[in-house]
Amino acid sequence: MNFFIEAFASLLECCIFLRICNGYLGFKNEKLKWLKTIIVYIPLALIDVFLCQLKGFENISILILLFTLLVYSFVSLNGKIWEKILVSVIPTLTALPINL
């Protein structure tokens, strides 16, 4: 039961991260924006759910999450470079103490 609660929280966390990125920066191209979001959400969710369950991999999962959000924001989203970095780093750093 505890695994399901943690998995649900991780899935919700990834959804919030993507909503923050998409809402703040907006898409470069409005075409198929739901598909782009789903394509990024699935690896984020898998990383967050499964790597956080393994002892010692919590920090690695946060780094992979950060890297994935950075790549997503640079490839698909509008904004200046510093905005893309901040929008990726701030939610990830706020999740770090929660995941630990």
PDB file of N, CA and C in Angstrom:
ATOM      1  N   MET A   1       0.822  -1.190   0.000  1.00  0.00           N
ATOM      2  CA  MET A   1       0.000   0.000   0.000  1.00  0.00           C
ATOM      3  C   MET A   1       0.866   1.254   0.000  1.00  0.00           C
ATOM      4  N   ASN A   2       1.975   1.207   0.746  1.00  0.00           N
ATOM      5  CA  ASN A   2       2.870   2.350   0.832  1.00  0.00           C
ATOM      6  C   ASN A   2       3.490   2.673  -0.523  1.00  0.00           C
ATOM      7  N   PHE A   3       3.809   1.635  -1.320  1.00  0.00           N
ATOM      8  CA  PHE A   3       4.368   1.838  -2.651  1.00  0.00           C
ATOM      9  C   PHE A   3       3.391   2.593  -3.538  1.00  0.00           C
ATOM     10  N   PHE A   4       2.116   2.268  -3.472  1.00  0.00           N
ATOM     11  CA  PHE A   4       1.125   2.921  -4.320  1.00  0.00           C
ATOM     12  C   PHE A   4       0.954   4.392  -3.964  1.00  0.00           C
ATOM     13  N   ILE A   5       1.027   4.699  -2.693  1.00  0.00           N
ATOM     14  CA  ILE A   5       0.916   6.095  -2.269  1.00  0.00           C
ATOM     15  C   ILE A   5       2.130   6.885  -2.748  1.00  0.00           C
ATOM     16  N   GLU A   6       3.318   6.312  -2.605  1.00  0.00           N
ATOM     17  CA  GLU A   6       4.528   6.976  -3.069  1.00  0.00           C
ATOM     18  C   GLU A   6       4.550   7.096  -4.592  1.00  0.00           C
ATOM     19  N   ALA A   7       4.092   6.075  -5.286  1.00  0.00           N
ATOM     20  CA  ALA A   7       4.037   6.126  -6.742  1.00  0.00           C
ATOM     21  C   ALA A   7       3.053   7.197  -7.211  1.00  0.00           C
ATOM     22  N   PHE A   8       1.901   7.277  -6.567  1.00  0.00           N
ATOM     23  CA  PHE A   8       0.920   8.305  -6.918  1.00  0.00           C
ATOM     24  C   PHE A   8       1.489   9.706  -6.667  1.00  0.00           C
ATOM     25  N   ALA A   9       2.184   9.881  -5.557  1.00  0.00           N
ATOM     26  CA  ALA A   9       2.798  11.173  -5.256  1.00  0.00           C
ATOM     27  C   ALA A   9       3.867  11.527  -6.289  1.00  0.00           C
ATOM     28  N   SER A  10       4.636  10.551  -6.723  1.00  0.00           N
ATOM     29  CA  SER A  10       5.664  10.791  -7.739  1.00  0.00           C
ATOM     30  C   SER A  10       5.040  11.138  -9.083  1.00  0.00           C
ATOM     31  N   LEU A  11       3.972  10.460  -9.444  1.00  0.00           N
ATOM     32  CA  LEU A  11       3.286  10.769 -10.700  1.00  0.00           C
ATOM     33  C   LEU A  11       2.700  12.179 -10.669  1.00  0.00           C
ATOM     34  N   LEU A  12       2.142  12.538  -9.557  1.00  0.00           N
ATOM     35  CA  LEU A  12       1.587  13.880  -9.401  1.00  0.00           C
ATOM     36  C   LEU A  12       2.692  14.936  -9.419  1.00  0.00           C
ATOM     37  N   GLU A  13       3.809  14.621  -8.814  1.00  0.00           N
ATOM     38  CA  GLU A  13       4.956  15.527  -8.808  1.00  0.00           C
ATOM     39  C   GLU A  13       5.446  15.800 -10.233  1.00  0.00           C
ATOM     40  N   CYS A  14       5.554  14.771 -11.053  1.00  0.00           N
ATOM     41  CA  CYS A  14       5.982  14.939 -12.444  1.00  0.00           C
ATOM     42  C   CYS A  14       4.971  15.765 -13.232  1.00  0.00           C
ATOM     43  N   CYS A  15       3.708  15.536 -12.972  1.00  0.00           N
ATOM     44  CA  CYS A  15       2.664  16.309 -13.638  1.00  0.00           C
ATOM     45  C   CYS A  15       2.778  17.792 -13.276  1.00  0.00           C
ATOM     46  N   ILE A  16       3.034  18.068 -12.020  1.00  0.00           N
ATOM     47  CA  ILE A  16       3.188  19.459 -11.567  1.00  0.00           C
ATOM     48  C   ILE A  16       4.410  20.096 -12.219  1.00  0.00           C
ATOM     49  N   PHE A  17       5.507  19.371 -12.300  1.00  0.00           N
ATOM     50  CA  PHE A  17       6.709  19.904 -12.938  1.00  0.00           C
ATOM     51  C   PHE A  17       6.436  20.309 -14.383  1.00  0.00           C
ATOM     52  N   LEU A  18       5.783  19.431 -15.115  1.00  0.00           N
ATOM     53  CA  LEU A  18       5.504  19.730 -16.516  1.00  0.00           C
ATOM     54  C   LEU A  18       4.501  20.869 -16.661  1.00  0.00           C
ATOM     55  N   ARG A  19       3.527  20.932 -15.778  1.00  0.00           N
ATOM     56  CA  ARG A  19       2.567  22.042 -15.828  1.00  0.00           C
ATOM     57  C   ARG A  19       3.253  23.376 -15.567  1.00  0.00           C
ATOM     58  N   ILE A  20       4.205  23.386 -14.640  1.00  0.00           N
ATOM     59  CA  ILE A  20       4.956  24.613 -14.365  1.00  0.00           C
ATOM     60  C   ILE A  20       5.762  25.021 -15.597  1.00  0.00           C
ATOM     61  N   CYS A  21       6.465  24.076 -16.176  1.00  0.00           N
ATOM     62  CA  CYS A  21       7.269  24.376 -17.372  1.00  0.00           C
ATOM     63  C   CYS A  21       6.397  24.846 -18.529  1.00  0.00           C
ATOM     64  N   ASN A  22       5.356  24.108 -18.816  1.00  0.00           N
ATOM     65  CA  ASN A  22       4.486  24.455 -19.941  1.00  0.00           C
ATOM     66  C   ASN A  22       3.749  25.766 -19.700  1.00  0.00           C
ATOM     67  N   GLY A  23       3.286  25.970 -18.488  1.00  0.00           N
ATOM     68  CA  GLY A  23       2.512  27.159 -18.184  1.00  0.00           C
ATOM     69  C   GLY A  23       3.344  28.425 -18.157  1.00  0.00           C
ATOM     70  N   TYR A  24       4.545  28.331 -17.645  1.00  0.00           N
ATOM     71  CA  TYR A  24       5.376  29.524 -17.521  1.00  0.00           C
ATOM     72  C   TYR A  24       6.029  29.904 -18.855  1.00  0.00           C
ATOM     73  N   LEU A  25       6.580  28.932 -19.557  1.00  0.00           N
ATOM     74  CA  LEU A  25       7.322  29.230 -20.768  1.00  0.00           C
ATOM     75  C   LEU A  25       6.472  29.171 -22.035  1.00  0.00           C
ATOM     76  N   GLY A  26       5.552  28.252 -22.110  1.00  0.00           N
ATOM     77  CA  GLY A  26       4.765  28.083 -23.332  1.00  0.00           C
ATOM     78  C   GLY A  26       5.556  27.316 -24.386  1.00  0.00           C
ATOM     79  N   PHE A  27       4.849  26.822 -25.366  1.00  0.00           N
ATOM     80  CA  PHE A  27       5.460  25.995 -26.404  1.00  0.00           C
ATOM     81  C   PHE A  27       5.982  26.843 -27.551  1.00  0.00           C
ATOM     82  N   LYS A  28       7.051  26.370 -28.181  1.00  0.00           N
ATOM     83  CA  LYS A  28       7.549  27.017 -29.399  1.00  0.00           C
ATOM     84  C   LYS A  28       6.552  26.810 -30.531  1.00  0.00           C
ATOM     85  N   ASN A  29       5.990  25.620 -30.578  1.00  0.00           N
ATOM     86  CA  ASN A  29       5.039  25.255 -31.615  1.00  0.00           C
ATOM     87  C   ASN A  29       3.823  24.647 -30.927  1.00  0.00           C
ATOM     88  N   GLU A  30       2.665  25.201 -31.165  1.00  0.00           N
ATOM     89  CA  GLU A  30       1.442  24.730 -30.516  1.00  0.00           C
ATOM     90  C   GLU A  30       0.936  23.399 -31.080  1.00  0.00           C
ATOM     91  N   LYS A  31       1.531  22.954 -32.153  1.00  0.00           N
ATOM     92  CA  LYS A  31       1.103  21.722 -32.808  1.00  0.00           C
ATOM     93  C   LYS A  31       1.518  20.506 -31.973  1.00  0.00           C
ATOM     94  N   LEU A  32       0.572  19.650 -31.650  1.00  0.00           N
ATOM     95  CA  LEU A  32       0.782  18.409 -30.896  1.00  0.00           C
ATOM     96  C   LEU A  32       1.442  18.635 -29.544  1.00  0.00           C
ATOM     97  N   LYS A  33       1.050  19.684 -28.851  1.00  0.00           N
ATOM     98  CA  LYS A  33       1.668  19.972 -27.555  1.00  0.00           C
ATOM     99  C   LYS A  33       1.329  18.908 -26.513  1.00  0.00           C
ATOM    100  N   TRP A  34       0.158  18.289 -26.609  1.00  0.00           N
ATOM    101  CA  TRP A  34      -0.209  17.230 -25.667  1.00  0.00           C
ATOM    102  C   TRP A  34       0.678  16.008 -25.871  1.00  0.00           C
ATOM    103  N   LEU A  35       1.053  15.724 -27.123  1.00  0.00           N
ATOM    104  CA  LEU A  35       1.917  14.579 -27.408  1.00  0.00           C
ATOM    105  C   LEU A  35       3.335  14.814 -26.887  1.00  0.00           C
ATOM    106  N   LYS A  36       3.831  16.033 -27.048  1.00  0.00           N
ATOM    107  CA  LYS A  36       5.154  16.373 -26.521  1.00  0.00           C
ATOM    108  C   LYS A  36       5.180  16.221 -25.001  1.00  0.00           C
ATOM    109  N   THR A  37       4.114  16.654 -24.365  1.00  0.00           N
ATOM    110  CA  THR A  37       4.037  16.566 -22.914  1.00  0.00           C
ATOM    111  C   THR A  37       3.998  15.113 -22.457  1.00  0.00           C
ATOM    112  N   ILE A  38       3.235  14.288 -23.134  1.00  0.00           N
ATOM    113  CA  ILE A  38       3.144  12.868 -22.770  1.00  0.00           C
ATOM    114  C   ILE A  38       4.477  12.157 -23.006  1.00  0.00           C
ATOM    115  N   ILE A  39       5.149  12.501 -24.096  1.00  0.00           N
ATOM    116  CA  ILE A  39       6.434  11.868 -24.410  1.00  0.00           C
ATOM    117  C   ILE A  39       7.469  12.183 -23.338  1.00  0.00           C
ATOM    118  N   VAL A  40       7.391  13.347 -22.732  1.00  0.00           N
ATOM    119  CA  VAL A  40       8.325  13.696 -21.655  1.00  0.00           C
ATOM    120  C   VAL A  40       7.821  13.178 -20.316  1.00  0.00           C
ATOM    121  N   TYR A  41       6.511  13.151 -20.122  1.00  0.00           N
ATOM    122  CA  TYR A  41       5.946  12.732 -18.838  1.00  0.00           C
ATOM    123  C   TYR A  41       6.245  11.268 -18.522  1.00  0.00           C
ATOM    124  N   ILE A  42       6.170  10.415 -19.499  1.00  0.00           N
ATOM    125  CA  ILE A  42       6.367   8.979 -19.263  1.00  0.00           C
ATOM    126  C   ILE A  42       7.778   8.676 -18.731  1.00  0.00           C
ATOM    127  N   PRO A  43       8.859   9.171 -19.375  1.00  0.00           N
ATOM    128  CA  PRO A  43      10.175   8.900 -18.775  1.00  0.00           C
ATOM    129  C   PRO A  43      10.364   9.566 -17.411  1.00  0.00           C
ATOM    130  N   LEU A  44       9.821  10.783 -17.247  1.00  0.00           N
ATOM    131  CA  LEU A  44       9.918  11.439 -15.943  1.00  0.00           C
ATOM    132  C   LEU A  44       9.252  10.594 -14.868  1.00  0.00           C
ATOM    133  N   ALA A  45       8.075  10.096 -15.170  1.00  0.00           N
ATOM    134  CA  ALA A  45       7.338   9.294 -14.197  1.00  0.00           C
ATOM    135  C   ALA A  45       8.073   7.990 -13.888  1.00  0.00           C
ATOM    136  N   LEU A  46       8.574   7.327 -14.909  1.00  0.00           N
ATOM    137  CA  LEU A  46       9.298   6.070 -14.687  1.00  0.00           C
ATOM    138  C   LEU A  46      10.550   6.292 -13.854  1.00  0.00           C
ATOM    139  N   ILE A  47      11.281   7.356 -14.164  1.00  0.00           N
ATOM    140  CA  ILE A  47      12.486   7.667 -13.405  1.00  0.00           C
ATOM    141  C   ILE A  47      12.128   7.970 -11.960  1.00  0.00           C
ATOM    142  N   ASP A  48      11.127   8.817 -11.781  1.00  0.00           N
ATOM    143  CA  ASP A  48      10.775   9.262 -10.434  1.00  0.00           C
ATOM    144  C   ASP A  48      10.191   8.133  -9.593  1.00  0.00           C
ATOM    145  N   VAL A  49       9.370   7.309 -10.186  1.00  0.00           N
ATOM    146  CA  VAL A  49       8.724   6.237  -9.425  1.00  0.00           C
ATOM    147  C   VAL A  49       9.714   5.130  -9.074  1.00  0.00           C
ATOM    148  N   PHE A  50      10.461   4.662 -10.053  1.00  0.00           N
ATOM    149  CA  PHE A  50      11.268   3.474  -9.810  1.00  0.00           C
ATOM    150  C   PHE A  50      12.642   3.761  -9.207  1.00  0.00           C
ATOM    151  N   LEU A  51      13.298   4.838  -9.611  1.00  0.00           N
ATOM    152  CA  LEU A  51      14.608   5.111  -9.032  1.00  0.00           C
ATOM    153  C   LEU A  51      14.514   5.626  -7.596  1.00  0.00           C
ATOM    154  N   CYS A  52      13.437   6.300  -7.265  1.00  0.00           N
ATOM    155  CA  CYS A  52      13.281   6.784  -5.885  1.00  0.00           C
ATOM    156  C   CYS A  52      13.009   5.634  -4.918  1.00  0.00           C
ATOM    157  N   GLN A  53      12.567   4.507  -5.412  1.00  0.00           N
ATOM    158  CA  GLN A  53      12.299   3.361  -4.550  1.00  0.00           C
ATOM    159  C   GLN A  53      13.581   2.621  -4.168  1.00  0.00           C
ATOM    160  N   LEU A  54      14.631   2.798  -4.950  1.00  0.00           N
ATOM    161  CA  LEU A  54      15.896   2.118  -4.680  1.00  0.00           C
ATOM    162  C   LEU A  54      16.749   2.955  -3.735  1.00  0.00           C
ATOM    163  N   LYS A  55      17.272   2.323  -2.729  1.00  0.00           N
ATOM    164  CA  LYS A  55      18.110   3.052  -1.773  1.00  0.00           C
ATOM    165  C   LYS A  55      19.404   3.495  -2.440  1.00  0.00           C
ATOM    166  N   GLY A  56      19.759   4.739  -2.204  1.00  0.00           N
ATOM    167  CA  GLY A  56      20.979   5.296  -2.762  1.00  0.00           C
ATOM    168  C   GLY A  56      20.824   5.935  -4.124  1.00  0.00           C
ATOM    169  N   PHE A  57      19.675   5.779  -4.756  1.00  0.00           N
ATOM    170  CA  PHE A  57      19.463   6.330  -6.088  1.00  0.00           C
ATOM    171  C   PHE A  57      18.584   7.575  -6.083  1.00  0.00           C
ATOM    172  N   GLU A  58      18.241   8.092  -4.896  1.00  0.00           N
ATOM    173  CA  GLU A  58      17.361   9.254  -4.836  1.00  0.00           C
ATOM    174  C   GLU A  58      18.009  10.469  -5.490  1.00  0.00           C
ATOM    175  N   ASN A  59      19.277  10.695  -5.219  1.00  0.00           N
ATOM    176  CA  ASN A  59      19.980  11.832  -5.803  1.00  0.00           C
ATOM    177  C   ASN A  59      20.153  11.685  -7.308  1.00  0.00           C
ATOM    178  N   ILE A  60      20.426  10.466  -7.747  1.00  0.00           N
ATOM    179  CA  ILE A  60      20.580  10.219  -9.177  1.00  0.00           C
ATOM    180  C   ILE A  60      19.258  10.462  -9.898  1.00  0.00           C
ATOM    181  N   SER A  61      18.156  10.061  -9.295  1.00  0.00           N
ATOM    182  CA  SER A  61      16.863  10.281  -9.935  1.00  0.00           C
ATOM    183  C   SER A  61      16.556  11.768 -10.064  1.00  0.00           C
ATOM    184  N   ILE A  62      16.944  12.564  -9.076  1.00  0.00           N
ATOM    185  CA  ILE A  62      16.733  14.011  -9.143  1.00  0.00           C
ATOM    186  C   ILE A  62      17.597  14.623 -10.245  1.00  0.00           C
ATOM    187  N   LEU A  63      18.832  14.162 -10.374  1.00  0.00           N
ATOM    188  CA  LEU A  63      19.702  14.681 -11.434  1.00  0.00           C
ATOM    189  C   LEU A  63      19.178  14.320 -12.820  1.00  0.00           C
ATOM    190  N   ILE A  64      18.698  13.099 -12.981  1.00  0.00           N
ATOM    191  CA  ILE A  64      18.121  12.685 -14.263  1.00  0.00           C
ATOM    192  C   ILE A  64      16.849  13.478 -14.540  1.00  0.00           C
ATOM    193  N   LEU A  65      16.055  13.698 -13.528  1.00  0.00           N
ATOM    194  CA  LEU A  65      14.838  14.504 -13.657  1.00  0.00           C
ATOM    195  C   LEU A  65      15.186  15.924 -14.089  1.00  0.00           C
ATOM    196  N   LEU A  66      16.185  16.506 -13.473  1.00  0.00           N
ATOM    197  CA  LEU A  66      16.634  17.857 -13.827  1.00  0.00           C
ATOM    198  C   LEU A  66      17.127  17.906 -15.267  1.00  0.00           C
ATOM    199  N   PHE A  67      17.955  16.954 -15.651  1.00  0.00           N
ATOM    200  CA  PHE A  67      18.488  16.911 -17.010  1.00  0.00           C
ATOM    201  C   PHE A  67      17.372  16.747 -18.039  1.00  0.00           C
ATOM    202  N   THR A  68      16.401  15.892 -17.751  1.00  0.00           N
ATOM    203  CA  THR A  68      15.276  15.684 -18.666  1.00  0.00           C
ATOM    204  C   THR A  68      14.446  16.951 -18.815  1.00  0.00           C
ATOM    205  N   LEU A  69      14.184  17.643 -17.710  1.00  0.00           N
ATOM    206  CA  LEU A  69      13.431  18.889 -17.781  1.00  0.00           C
ATOM    207  C   LEU A  69      14.199  19.969 -18.534  1.00  0.00           C
ATOM    208  N   LEU A  70      15.509  20.032 -18.349  1.00  0.00           N
ATOM    209  CA  LEU A  70      16.317  21.002 -19.085  1.00  0.00           C
ATOM    210  C   LEU A  70      16.271  20.740 -20.586  1.00  0.00           C
ATOM    211  N   VAL A  71      16.448  19.492 -20.974  1.00  0.00           N
ATOM    212  CA  VAL A  71      16.406  19.144 -22.396  1.00  0.00           C
ATOM    213  C   VAL A  71      15.025  19.465 -22.978  1.00  0.00           C
ATOM    214  N   TYR A  72      13.979  19.114 -22.257  1.00  0.00           N
ATOM    215  CA  TYR A  72      12.617  19.390 -22.698  1.00  0.00           C
ATOM    216  C   TYR A  72      12.385  20.890 -22.865  1.00  0.00           C
ATOM    217  N   SER A  73      12.833  21.671 -21.912  1.00  0.00           N
ATOM    218  CA  SER A  73      12.590  23.108 -21.999  1.00  0.00           C
ATOM    219  C   SER A  73      13.395  23.731 -23.138  1.00  0.00           C
ATOM    220  N   PHE A  74      14.613  23.259 -23.380  1.00  0.00           N
ATOM    221  CA  PHE A  74      15.406  23.821 -24.469  1.00  0.00           C
ATOM    222  C   PHE A  74      14.883  23.397 -25.838  1.00  0.00           C
ATOM    223  N   VAL A  75      14.344  22.208 -25.942  1.00  0.00           N
ATOM    224  CA  VAL A  75      13.882  21.710 -27.235  1.00  0.00           C
ATOM    225  C   VAL A  75      12.478  22.203 -27.573  1.00  0.00           C
ATOM    226  N   SER A  76      11.564  22.197 -26.611  1.00  0.00           N
ATOM    227  CA  SER A  76      10.150  22.410 -26.925  1.00  0.00           C
ATOM    228  C   SER A  76       9.554  23.724 -26.450  1.00  0.00           C
ATOM    229  N   LEU A  77      10.206  24.432 -25.553  1.00  0.00           N
ATOM    230  CA  LEU A  77       9.553  25.567 -24.922  1.00  0.00           C
ATOM    231  C   LEU A  77      10.183  26.895 -25.299  1.00  0.00           C
ATOM    232  N   ASN A  78       9.374  27.958 -25.220  1.00  0.00           N
ATOM    233  CA  ASN A  78       9.834  29.324 -25.466  1.00  0.00           C
ATOM    234  C   ASN A  78      10.602  29.839 -24.268  1.00  0.00           C
ATOM    235  N   GLY A  79      11.171  31.016 -24.428  1.00  0.00           N
ATOM    236  CA  GLY A  79      11.810  31.694 -23.307  1.00  0.00           C
ATOM    237  C   GLY A  79      13.295  31.860 -23.504  1.00  0.00           C
ATOM    238  N   LYS A  80      13.843  32.696 -22.652  1.00  0.00           N
ATOM    239  CA  LYS A  80      15.286  32.920 -22.667  1.00  0.00           C
ATOM    240  C   LYS A  80      15.977  31.767 -21.960  1.00  0.00           C
ATOM    241  N   ILE A  81      17.278  31.681 -22.174  1.00  0.00           N
ATOM    242  CA  ILE A  81      18.044  30.571 -21.609  1.00  0.00           C
ATOM    243  C   ILE A  81      17.942  30.555 -20.089  1.00  0.00           C
ATOM    244  N   TRP A  82      18.081  31.690 -19.444  1.00  0.00           N
ATOM    245  CA  TRP A  82      18.039  31.731 -17.987  1.00  0.00           C
ATOM    246  C   TRP A  82      16.659  31.364 -17.463  1.00  0.00           C
ATOM    247  N   GLU A  83      15.593  31.702 -18.207  1.00  0.00           N
ATOM    248  CA  GLU A  83      14.242  31.302 -17.791  1.00  0.00           C
ATOM    249  C   GLU A  83      14.077  29.789 -17.863  1.00  0.00           C
ATOM    250  N   LYS A  84      14.595  29.203 -18.913  1.00  0.00           N
ATOM    251  CA  LYS A  84      14.498  27.748 -19.069  1.00  0.00           C
ATOM    252  C   LYS A  84      15.262  27.023 -17.961  1.00  0.00           C
ATOM    253  N   ILE A  85      16.410  27.549 -17.621  1.00  0.00           N
ATOM    254  CA  ILE A  85      17.202  26.933 -16.552  1.00  0.00           C
ATOM    255  C   ILE A  85      16.488  27.068 -15.214  1.00  0.00           C
ATOM    256  N   LEU A  86      15.978  28.263 -14.919  1.00  0.00           N
ATOM    257  CA  LEU A  86      15.285  28.472 -13.649  1.00  0.00           C
ATOM    258  C   LEU A  86      14.024  27.636 -13.526  1.00  0.00           C
ATOM    259  N   VAL A  87      13.260  27.558 -14.603  1.00  0.00           N
ATOM    260  CA  VAL A  87      12.015  26.786 -14.566  1.00  0.00           C
ATOM    261  C   VAL A  87      12.300  25.300 -14.392  1.00  0.00           C
ATOM    262  N   SER A  88      13.445  24.840 -14.815  1.00  0.00           N
ATOM    263  CA  SER A  88      13.811  23.434 -14.626  1.00  0.00           C
ATOM    264  C   SER A  88      14.445  23.181 -13.263  1.00  0.00           C
ATOM    265  N   VAL A  89      15.254  24.098 -12.798  1.00  0.00           N
ATOM    266  CA  VAL A  89      16.031  23.879 -11.573  1.00  0.00           C
ATOM    267  C   VAL A  89      15.195  24.076 -10.310  1.00  0.00           C
ATOM    268  N   ILE A  90      14.392  25.130 -10.263  1.00  0.00           N
ATOM    269  CA  ILE A  90      13.662  25.446  -9.030  1.00  0.00           C
ATOM    270  C   ILE A  90      12.705  24.331  -8.601  1.00  0.00           C
ATOM    271  N   PRO A  91      11.846  23.802  -9.469  1.00  0.00           N
ATOM    272  CA  PRO A  91      10.982  22.693  -9.000  1.00  0.00           C
ATOM    273  C   PRO A  91      11.772  21.443  -8.618  1.00  0.00           C
ATOM    274  N   THR A  92      12.839  21.188  -9.331  1.00  0.00           N
ATOM    275  CA  THR A  92      13.642  20.000  -9.031  1.00  0.00           C
ATOM    276  C   THR A  92      14.322  20.136  -7.672  1.00  0.00           C
ATOM    277  N   LEU A  93      14.829  21.317  -7.368  1.00  0.00           N
ATOM    278  CA  LEU A  93      15.471  21.521  -6.067  1.00  0.00           C
ATOM    279  C   LEU A  93      14.466  21.496  -4.926  1.00  0.00           C
ATOM    280  N   THR A  94      13.249  21.942  -5.177  1.00  0.00           N
ATOM    281  CA  THR A  94      12.233  21.869  -4.125  1.00  0.00           C
ATOM    282  C   THR A  94      11.795  20.428  -3.874  1.00  0.00           C
ATOM    283  N   ALA A  95      11.902  19.574  -4.876  1.00  0.00           N
ATOM    284  CA  ALA A  95      11.535  18.165  -4.695  1.00  0.00           C
ATOM    285  C   ALA A  95      12.640  17.353  -4.049  1.00  0.00           C
ATOM    286  N   LEU A  96      13.854  17.847  -4.076  1.00  0.00           N
ATOM    287  CA  LEU A  96      14.980  17.097  -3.510  1.00  0.00           C
ATOM    288  C   LEU A  96      14.783  16.740  -2.049  1.00  0.00           C
ATOM    289  N   PRO A  97      14.451  17.687  -1.161  1.00  0.00           N
ATOM    290  CA  PRO A  97      14.247  17.277   0.245  1.00  0.00           C
ATOM    291  C   PRO A  97      13.047  16.357   0.426  1.00  0.00           C
ATOM    292  N   ILE A  98      12.045  16.508  -0.421  1.00  0.00           N
ATOM    293  CA  ILE A  98      10.865  15.657  -0.306  1.00  0.00           C
ATOM    294  C   ILE A  98      11.217  14.209  -0.649  1.00  0.00           C
ATOM    295  N   ASN A  99      11.983  14.022  -1.699  1.00  0.00           N
ATOM    296  CA  ASN A  99      12.344  12.671  -2.137  1.00  0.00           C
ATOM    297  C   ASN A  99      13.358  12.021  -1.214  1.00  0.00           C
ATOM    298  N   LEU A 100      14.167  12.810  -0.556  1.00  0.00           N
ATOM    299  CA  LEU A 100      15.149  12.218   0.351  1.00  0.00           C
ATOM    300  C   LEU A 100      14.464  11.742   1.613  1.00  0.00           C
TER     301      LEU A 100
END
